[in-house]
Protein backbone atom coordinates (compact mmCIF):
# COMPACT_ATOMS: atom_id res chain seq x y z
CA MET A 1 -12.49 8.32 -14.69
CA LYS A 2 -9.49 8.14 -16.96
CA LYS A 3 -9.55 6.12 -20.15
CA GLU A 4 -7.00 3.66 -18.72
CA ASN A 5 -9.07 3.09 -15.59
CA ILE A 6 -12.14 2.21 -17.65
CA LEU A 7 -10.09 -0.26 -19.68
CA PHE A 8 -8.71 -1.84 -16.50
CA LEU A 9 -12.23 -2.11 -15.12
CA LEU A 10 -13.47 -3.72 -18.33
CA LEU A 11 -10.61 -6.22 -18.42
CA SER A 12 -11.12 -7.15 -14.78
CA ALA A 13 -14.85 -7.66 -15.37
CA ILE A 14 -14.10 -9.90 -18.37
CA THR A 15 -11.64 -11.90 -16.25
CA VAL A 16 -14.21 -12.36 -13.48
CA ILE A 17 -16.86 -13.49 -15.98
CA CYS A 18 -14.42 -16.02 -17.44
CA ILE A 19 -13.58 -17.35 -13.97
CA MET A 20 -17.28 -17.70 -13.20
CA SER A 21 -17.83 -19.52 -16.49
CA ILE A 22 -15.20 -22.08 -15.42
CA GLY A 23 -17.53 -22.95 -12.55
CA VAL A 24 -20.46 -23.21 -14.94
CA ALA A 25 -18.41 -25.46 -17.21
CA VAL A 26 -17.60 -27.77 -14.31
CA ALA A 27 -21.28 -27.90 -13.34
CA GLU A 28 -22.30 -28.63 -16.92
CA ARG A 29 -19.37 -31.04 -17.42
CA SER A 30 -18.35 -29.22 -20.58
CA ILE A 31 -14.69 -29.40 -21.46
CA LEU A 32 -15.10 -26.97 -24.36
CA ILE A 33 -16.53 -24.19 -22.19
CA ALA A 34 -13.84 -24.77 -19.57
CA VAL A 35 -11.03 -24.55 -22.12
CA LEU A 36 -12.48 -21.39 -23.66
CA ALA A 37 -12.95 -19.82 -20.23
CA ILE A 38 -9.39 -20.62 -19.15
CA ALA A 39 -8.08 -19.16 -22.41
CA GLY A 40 -10.21 -16.06 -21.79
CA VAL A 41 -8.73 -15.64 -18.32
CA PHE A 42 -5.19 -15.84 -19.66
CA ILE A 43 -5.90 -13.44 -22.52
CA ALA A 44 -7.73 -10.83 -20.43
CA THR A 45 -5.14 -10.97 -17.64
CA GLY A 46 -2.27 -10.75 -20.11
CA LEU A 47 -3.83 -7.75 -21.82
CA GLY A 48 -4.31 -6.08 -18.45
CA PHE A 49 -0.68 -6.54 -17.43
CA THR A 50 0.53 -5.40 -20.85
CA LEU A 51 -1.62 -2.28 -20.68
CA ARG A 52 -0.43 -1.57 -17.14
CA LYS A 53 3.20 -1.78 -18.25
CA LYS A 54 2.60 0.59 -21.17
CA VAL A 55 0.80 3.10 -18.94
CA ARG A 56 3.55 2.94 -16.33
CA GLU A 57 6.29 3.38 -18.95
CA SER A 58 4.54 6.31 -20.58
CA SER A 59 4.09 8.10 -17.27
CA GLU A 60 7.77 7.69 -16.33
CA MET A 61 8.94 9.66 -19.36
């Protein structure tokens, strides 16, 4: 597996864990956990798209 693929796999796993923790936060009625989980989803997804763009741009050259 390439280095980029491992990073994409790691970021997707982090995103899935954050999405699952939103469900836990709803069950526990914890606003703090929900806010942190939503922020984690946005950060992990944003990093994934940014990394994808950099990989695509570097391979086009």
